[in-house]
């Protein structure tokens, strides 16, 4: 992947609902406004979850996503892309959990309409348990991504020229994601998001030596692939300097931040942009991200 400026991605809301993360935007108008504010501070990529106003839960309806994406695109050239149904969790509704095709139906419709350039295709399943809930019966869930679903998502990406984004919750997801990508003819190069956490009991905490472990495995499995530091229930700011120095990218925002954060999406992006510049980098423009994605791995 061609070298260049540091991509900043803003994950605007996540599936948490306002009872867990009070500051998240949930309506179309709120998400568009937060996305534009984040883009103005230097976010070249915007990630979001659509919500059902009646239930206050994530709902992956392509028309809602299209309205949000078009609302942002009317005033910004940031890359905007949606999530997928959070299979296994009560945080979101169960629409789209019934089959691989249903899981990615909104992704395919948005890709067919050329509204997205990136897509979520997470390559593995993982136990989601918070440390503060570990001893409570019934707490936690399995975030489920079975191989046939992953292959279906990658097939959509290959057909429409969309780059899959892999959430690497556990190190083996890098190996599996690379193997599945190699078996998908015509697939654009995936983006590997190394997921760190302090609040969830999976993966690594945000420490530099754990980032280096991820990078050593990526160099073996998918050399040259783009990557970024991200996570859930975490403050990744301590890793930004290391990511810039190693040629990586950064994701921040209210989906990823510790629950109860007082910072807004705009403030998280501004903090990330300052940290990138302090490390000797420069936040990428959307045009620079598109150029880098188009370069061969």
Protein backbone atom coordinates (compact mmCIF):
# COMPACT_ATOMS: atom_id res chain seq x y z
CA UNK A 1 0.00 0.00 0.00
CA UNK A 2 1.35 3.38 -0.96
CA UNK A 3 2.65 5.51 1.90
CA UNK A 4 1.09 8.83 2.68
CA UNK A 5 -0.77 10.85 5.26
CA UNK A 6 -2.51 9.33 8.28
CA UNK A 7 -6.15 8.44 7.85
CA UNK A 8 -8.45 9.46 10.69
CA UNK A 9 -11.70 7.55 10.88
CA UNK A 10 -14.57 8.67 13.12
CA UNK A 11 -16.85 5.91 14.41
CA UNK A 12 -19.83 8.07 15.25
CA UNK A 13 -22.15 5.97 17.42
CA UNK A 14 -21.98 2.16 17.53
CA UNK A 15 -24.78 -0.12 18.72
CA UNK A 16 -24.75 0.92 22.36
CA UNK A 17 -27.87 3.05 22.65
CA UNK A 18 -27.91 6.21 24.70
CA UNK A 19 -28.32 4.37 27.99
CA UNK A 20 -24.73 3.14 27.55
CA UNK A 21 -23.15 6.01 25.61
CA UNK A 22 -25.32 9.09 26.23
CA UNK A 23 -23.66 11.36 23.69
CA UNK A 24 -24.13 9.28 20.55
CA UNK A 25 -26.14 10.61 17.59
CA UNK A 26 -29.08 8.36 16.68
CA UNK A 27 -31.40 10.27 14.33
CA UNK A 28 -30.56 10.87 10.69
CA UNK A 29 -30.16 14.59 11.31
CA UNK A 30 -27.92 14.06 14.34
CA UNK A 31 -25.69 11.56 12.56
CA UNK A 32 -25.29 13.80 9.52
CA UNK A 33 -24.42 16.78 11.73
CA UNK A 34 -21.91 14.79 13.79
CA UNK A 35 -20.35 13.35 10.63
CA UNK A 36 -19.90 16.77 9.10
CA UNK A 37 -18.41 18.13 12.34
CA UNK A 38 -15.95 15.22 12.51
CA UNK A 39 -14.99 15.69 8.86
CA UNK A 40 -14.36 19.39 9.49
CA UNK A 41 -11.81 18.44 12.19
CA UNK A 42 -9.92 16.05 9.90
CA UNK A 43 -11.81 12.76 9.70
CA UNK A 44 -11.52 11.48 6.13
CA UNK A 45 -13.56 8.34 6.89
CA UNK A 46 -16.89 8.14 8.75
CA UNK A 47 -18.43 4.96 10.13
CA UNK A 48 -21.97 4.78 11.50
CA UNK A 49 -24.87 2.68 12.72
CA UNK A 50 -28.46 3.50 11.76
CA UNK A 51 -31.13 3.52 14.49
CA UNK A 52 -34.82 2.76 14.67
CA UNK A 53 -36.38 5.82 16.38
CA UNK A 54 -39.22 3.70 17.79
CA UNK A 55 -36.99 1.27 19.67
CA UNK A 56 -33.75 3.21 20.16
CA UNK A 57 -31.85 0.22 18.78
CA UNK A 58 -29.63 -0.28 15.75
CA UNK A 59 -31.57 -1.13 12.59
CA UNK A 60 -29.76 -1.80 9.33
CA UNK A 61 -32.15 -0.38 6.77
CA UNK A 62 -30.45 0.60 3.51
CA UNK A 63 -32.80 3.53 2.88
CA UNK A 64 -31.87 5.07 6.24
CA UNK A 65 -28.18 4.59 5.53
CA UNK A 66 -28.62 6.10 2.08
CA UNK A 67 -30.26 9.22 3.54
CA UNK A 68 -27.39 9.63 6.01
CA UNK A 69 -24.67 9.05 3.42
CA UNK A 70 -26.28 11.41 0.92
CA UNK A 71 -26.77 14.03 3.64
CA UNK A 72 -23.07 13.96 4.48
CA UNK A 73 -21.95 13.79 0.86
CA UNK A 74 -23.93 16.89 0.02
CA UNK A 75 -21.41 18.89 2.06
CA UNK A 76 -18.32 16.67 2.41
CA UNK A 77 -16.28 14.26 0.30
CA UNK A 78 -15.50 12.00 3.29
CA UNK A 79 -15.77 8.26 2.76
CA UNK A 80 -18.89 7.08 4.63
CA UNK A 81 -19.84 3.47 5.33
CA UNK A 82 -22.29 1.53 7.52
CA UNK A 83 -22.04 -1.36 9.94
CA UNK A 84 -23.69 -4.79 9.66
CA UNK A 85 -26.26 -6.46 11.96
CA UNK A 86 -24.70 -7.21 15.34
CA UNK A 87 -25.53 -10.91 15.22
CA UNK A 88 -25.92 -12.45 18.66
CA UNK A 89 -26.51 -9.22 20.59
CA UNK A 90 -29.54 -7.64 22.22
CA UNK A 91 -28.04 -4.19 21.56
CA UNK A 92 -29.53 -4.27 18.06
CA UNK A 93 -32.66 -5.77 16.51
CA UNK A 94 -32.53 -9.19 14.86
CA UNK A 95 -33.24 -8.07 11.29
CA UNK A 96 -30.62 -9.50 8.95
CA UNK A 97 -29.51 -12.38 11.15
CA UNK A 98 -31.37 -15.07 9.22
CA UNK A 99 -28.92 -15.79 6.38
CA UNK A 100 -25.63 -14.62 4.86
CA UNK A 101 -27.53 -12.77 2.11
CA UNK A 102 -29.80 -11.02 4.62
CA UNK A 103 -26.86 -10.04 6.83
CA UNK A 104 -25.33 -8.03 3.98
CA UNK A 105 -28.47 -7.01 2.06
CA UNK A 106 -28.11 -3.32 2.93
CA UNK A 107 -24.38 -3.41 2.10
CA UNK A 108 -25.09 -4.80 -1.35
CA UNK A 109 -27.84 -2.29 -2.06
CA UNK A 110 -25.62 0.64 -1.03
CA UNK A 111 -22.70 -0.75 -3.06
CA UNK A 112 -24.92 -1.27 -6.09
CA UNK A 113 -25.89 2.40 -5.89
CA UNK A 114 -22.19 3.44 -5.57
CA UNK A 115 -22.82 4.99 -2.15
CA UNK A 116 -20.04 3.16 -0.30
CA UNK A 117 -16.36 2.49 -0.89
CA UNK A 118 -15.73 0.57 2.35
CA UNK A 119 -17.76 -2.15 4.09
CA UNK A 120 -17.69 -4.04 7.38
CA UNK A 121 -16.84 -7.70 6.86
CA UNK A 122 -15.57 -8.98 10.21
CA UNK A 123 -13.66 -12.26 9.77
CA UNK A 124 -14.37 -14.04 13.05
CA UNK A 125 -16.63 -14.54 16.04
CA UNK A 126 -15.74 -13.39 19.55
CA UNK A 127 -17.12 -13.41 23.10
CA UNK A 128 -18.19 -9.89 24.10
CA UNK A 129 -17.98 -9.61 27.89
CA UNK A 130 -17.15 -6.44 29.80
CA UNK A 131 -14.80 -6.77 32.75
CA UNK A 132 -17.37 -5.08 35.00
CA UNK A 133 -19.97 -7.70 33.99
CA UNK A 134 -17.80 -10.83 33.96
CA UNK A 135 -19.28 -12.30 37.14
CA UNK A 136 -22.93 -11.67 36.29
CA UNK A 137 -25.07 -14.51 34.94
CA UNK A 138 -26.41 -13.77 31.49
CA UNK A 139 -24.00 -10.92 30.78
CA UNK A 140 -22.24 -10.80 27.44
CA UNK A 141 -22.90 -12.37 24.06
CA UNK A 142 -21.12 -14.02 21.14
CA UNK A 143 -20.60 -11.59 18.25
CA UNK A 144 -21.19 -14.10 15.49
CA UNK A 145 -19.56 -14.05 12.05
CA UNK A 146 -19.68 -17.52 10.55
CA UNK A 147 -17.47 -18.33 7.53
CA UNK A 148 -20.32 -18.46 5.00
CA UNK A 149 -21.41 -14.97 6.06
CA UNK A 150 -17.88 -13.63 5.76
CA UNK A 151 -17.54 -15.14 2.29
CA UNK A 152 -20.88 -13.61 1.30
CA UNK A 153 -19.72 -10.18 2.42
CA UNK A 154 -16.43 -10.51 0.59
CA UNK A 155 -18.29 -11.60 -2.54
CA UNK A 156 -20.32 -8.40 -2.46
CA UNK A 157 -17.13 -6.36 -2.05
CA UNK A 158 -15.50 -8.16 -4.99
CA UNK A 159 -18.52 -7.66 -7.25
CA UNK A 160 -18.81 -3.94 -6.53
CA UNK A 161 -15.19 -2.91 -5.98
CA UNK A 162 -15.68 -2.13 -2.28
CA UNK A 163 -12.85 -2.51 0.23
CA UNK A 164 -13.72 -4.79 3.17
CA UNK A 165 -12.81 -3.59 6.64
CA UNK A 166 -11.78 -6.31 9.08
CA UNK A 167 -12.22 -5.80 12.83
CA UNK A 168 -9.31 -7.77 14.31
CA UNK A 169 -10.61 -8.56 17.80
CA UNK A 170 -8.23 -11.49 18.21
CA UNK A 171 -4.90 -12.00 16.45
CA UNK A 172 -6.04 -15.08 14.53
CA UNK A 173 -8.61 -12.97 12.71
CA UNK A 174 -5.72 -11.52 10.70
CA UNK A 175 -4.73 -14.97 9.45
CA UNK A 176 -8.29 -15.97 8.64
CA UNK A 177 -9.10 -12.64 7.00
CA UNK A 178 -6.02 -12.87 4.81
CA UNK A 179 -6.83 -16.45 3.80
CA UNK A 180 -10.42 -15.58 2.93
CA UNK A 181 -9.26 -12.55 0.94
CA UNK A 182 -6.80 -14.66 -1.05
CA UNK A 183 -9.65 -17.03 -1.91
CA UNK A 184 -11.89 -14.20 -3.22
CA UNK A 185 -10.92 -13.33 -6.83
CA UNK A 186 -11.00 -9.63 -7.64
CA UNK A 187 -11.38 -8.53 -4.02
CA UNK A 188 -10.04 -5.02 -3.28
CA UNK A 189 -7.39 -5.05 -0.57
CA UNK A 190 -8.92 -5.26 2.94
CA UNK A 191 -8.28 -2.75 5.70
CA UNK A 192 -7.22 -4.35 9.00
CA UNK A 193 -8.49 -2.57 12.14
CA UNK A 194 -6.62 -3.75 15.22
CA UNK A 195 -9.22 -3.66 17.99
CA UNK A 196 -7.91 -2.78 21.46
CA UNK A 197 -9.93 -2.52 24.66
CA UNK A 198 -9.75 -1.68 28.33
CA UNK A 199 -13.43 -2.41 29.05
CA UNK A 200 -14.05 -5.62 27.07
CA UNK A 201 -12.28 -8.90 27.85
CA UNK A 202 -11.01 -9.72 24.37
CA UNK A 203 -7.89 -8.91 22.42
CA UNK A 204 -5.16 -6.65 23.75
CA UNK A 205 -5.12 -3.52 25.90
CA UNK A 206 -3.74 -0.43 24.11
CA UNK A 207 -0.01 -1.03 24.55
CA UNK A 208 2.69 -0.43 21.95
CA UNK A 209 4.21 -3.91 22.21
CA UNK A 210 0.82 -5.46 21.45
CA UNK A 211 0.54 -3.28 18.35
CA UNK A 212 3.92 -4.62 17.28
CA UNK A 213 2.64 -8.18 17.74
CA UNK A 214 -0.31 -7.42 15.45
CA UNK A 215 2.03 -5.89 12.87
CA UNK A 216 4.42 -8.83 12.90
CA UNK A 217 1.57 -11.20 12.08
CA UNK A 218 0.14 -8.87 9.44
CA UNK A 219 3.54 -8.71 7.74
CA UNK A 220 3.43 -12.49 7.38
CA UNK A 221 -0.23 -12.89 6.44
CA UNK A 222 -0.99 -9.78 4.35
CA UNK A 223 2.16 -7.75 3.70
CA UNK A 224 1.49 -4.21 2.56
CA UNK A 225 -2.17 -4.16 3.65
CA UNK A 226 -3.43 -0.92 5.25
CA UNK A 227 -4.14 -1.00 8.98
CA UNK A 228 -5.29 1.21 11.80
CA UNK A 229 -5.55 1.26 15.57
CA UNK A 230 -9.12 1.17 16.85
CA UNK A 231 -11.14 -0.58 19.51
CA UNK A 232 -14.18 -0.53 21.75
CA UNK A 233 -14.29 0.71 25.32
CA UNK A 234 -10.86 2.23 24.88
CA UNK A 235 -8.91 5.46 24.58
CA UNK A 236 -6.47 4.81 21.71
CA UNK A 237 -4.74 8.18 21.99
CA UNK A 238 -1.64 6.62 23.63
CA UNK A 239 -1.18 4.50 20.47
CA UNK A 240 -1.51 7.29 17.90
CA UNK A 241 2.15 8.26 17.91
CA UNK A 242 3.21 4.64 17.47
CA UNK A 243 0.69 4.15 14.65
CA UNK A 244 1.95 7.24 12.80
CA UNK A 245 5.59 6.16 13.22
CA UNK A 246 4.79 2.70 11.81
CA UNK A 247 2.77 3.93 8.82
CA UNK A 248 -0.67 3.14 10.18
CA UNK A 249 -3.92 4.96 10.68
CA UNK A 250 -6.31 5.86 13.51
CA UNK A 251 -9.96 5.42 14.44
CA UNK A 252 -11.65 7.35 17.24
CA UNK A 253 -15.20 8.40 18.12
CA UNK A 254 -18.12 7.64 20.39
CA UNK A 255 -18.49 4.04 19.22
CA UNK A 256 -14.96 3.25 20.37
CA UNK A 257 -14.58 5.54 23.38
CA UNK A 258 -15.06 4.42 26.99
CA UNK A 259 -18.71 4.51 27.97
CA UNK A 260 -19.61 7.81 29.57
CA UNK A 261 -16.93 9.84 27.78
CA UNK A 262 -17.51 13.57 27.98
CA UNK A 263 -15.85 14.26 24.62
CA UNK A 264 -17.96 14.66 21.48
CA UNK A 265 -17.14 13.05 18.14
CA UNK A 266 -15.76 16.38 16.96
CA UNK A 267 -13.52 16.61 20.03
CA UNK A 268 -12.27 13.03 19.66
CA UNK A 269 -11.27 13.75 16.05
CA UNK A 270 -9.64 17.04 17.00
CA UNK A 271 -7.63 15.23 19.68
CA UNK A 272 -6.57 12.59 17.15
CA UNK A 273 -5.54 15.21 14.59
CA UNK A 274 -3.41 16.98 17.19
CA UNK A 275 -1.75 13.70 18.16
CA UNK A 276 -1.05 12.82 14.53
CA UNK A 277 0.63 16.18 13.96
CA UNK A 278 2.56 15.91 17.24
CA UNK A 279 3.96 12.61 15.98
CA UNK A 280 5.16 14.25 12.75
CA UNK A 281 2.25 13.18 10.57
CA UNK A 282 -0.57 14.96 8.82
CA UNK A 283 -4.24 13.90 8.66
CA UNK A 284 -5.15 12.56 5.24
CA UNK A 285 -7.78 14.14 3.04
CA UNK A 286 -10.52 11.92 1.58
CA UNK A 287 -8.79 12.19 -1.80
CA UNK A 288 -5.54 10.88 -0.28
CA UNK A 289 -7.39 7.95 1.28
CA UNK A 290 -8.97 7.07 -2.05
CA UNK A 291 -5.60 7.27 -3.81
CA UNK A 292 -4.00 5.02 -1.20
CA UNK A 293 -6.82 2.47 -1.42
CA UNK A 294 -6.45 2.36 -5.18
CA UNK A 295 -2.72 1.60 -4.96
CA UNK A 296 -1.68 -2.06 -5.19
CA UNK A 297 -0.83 -3.81 -1.92
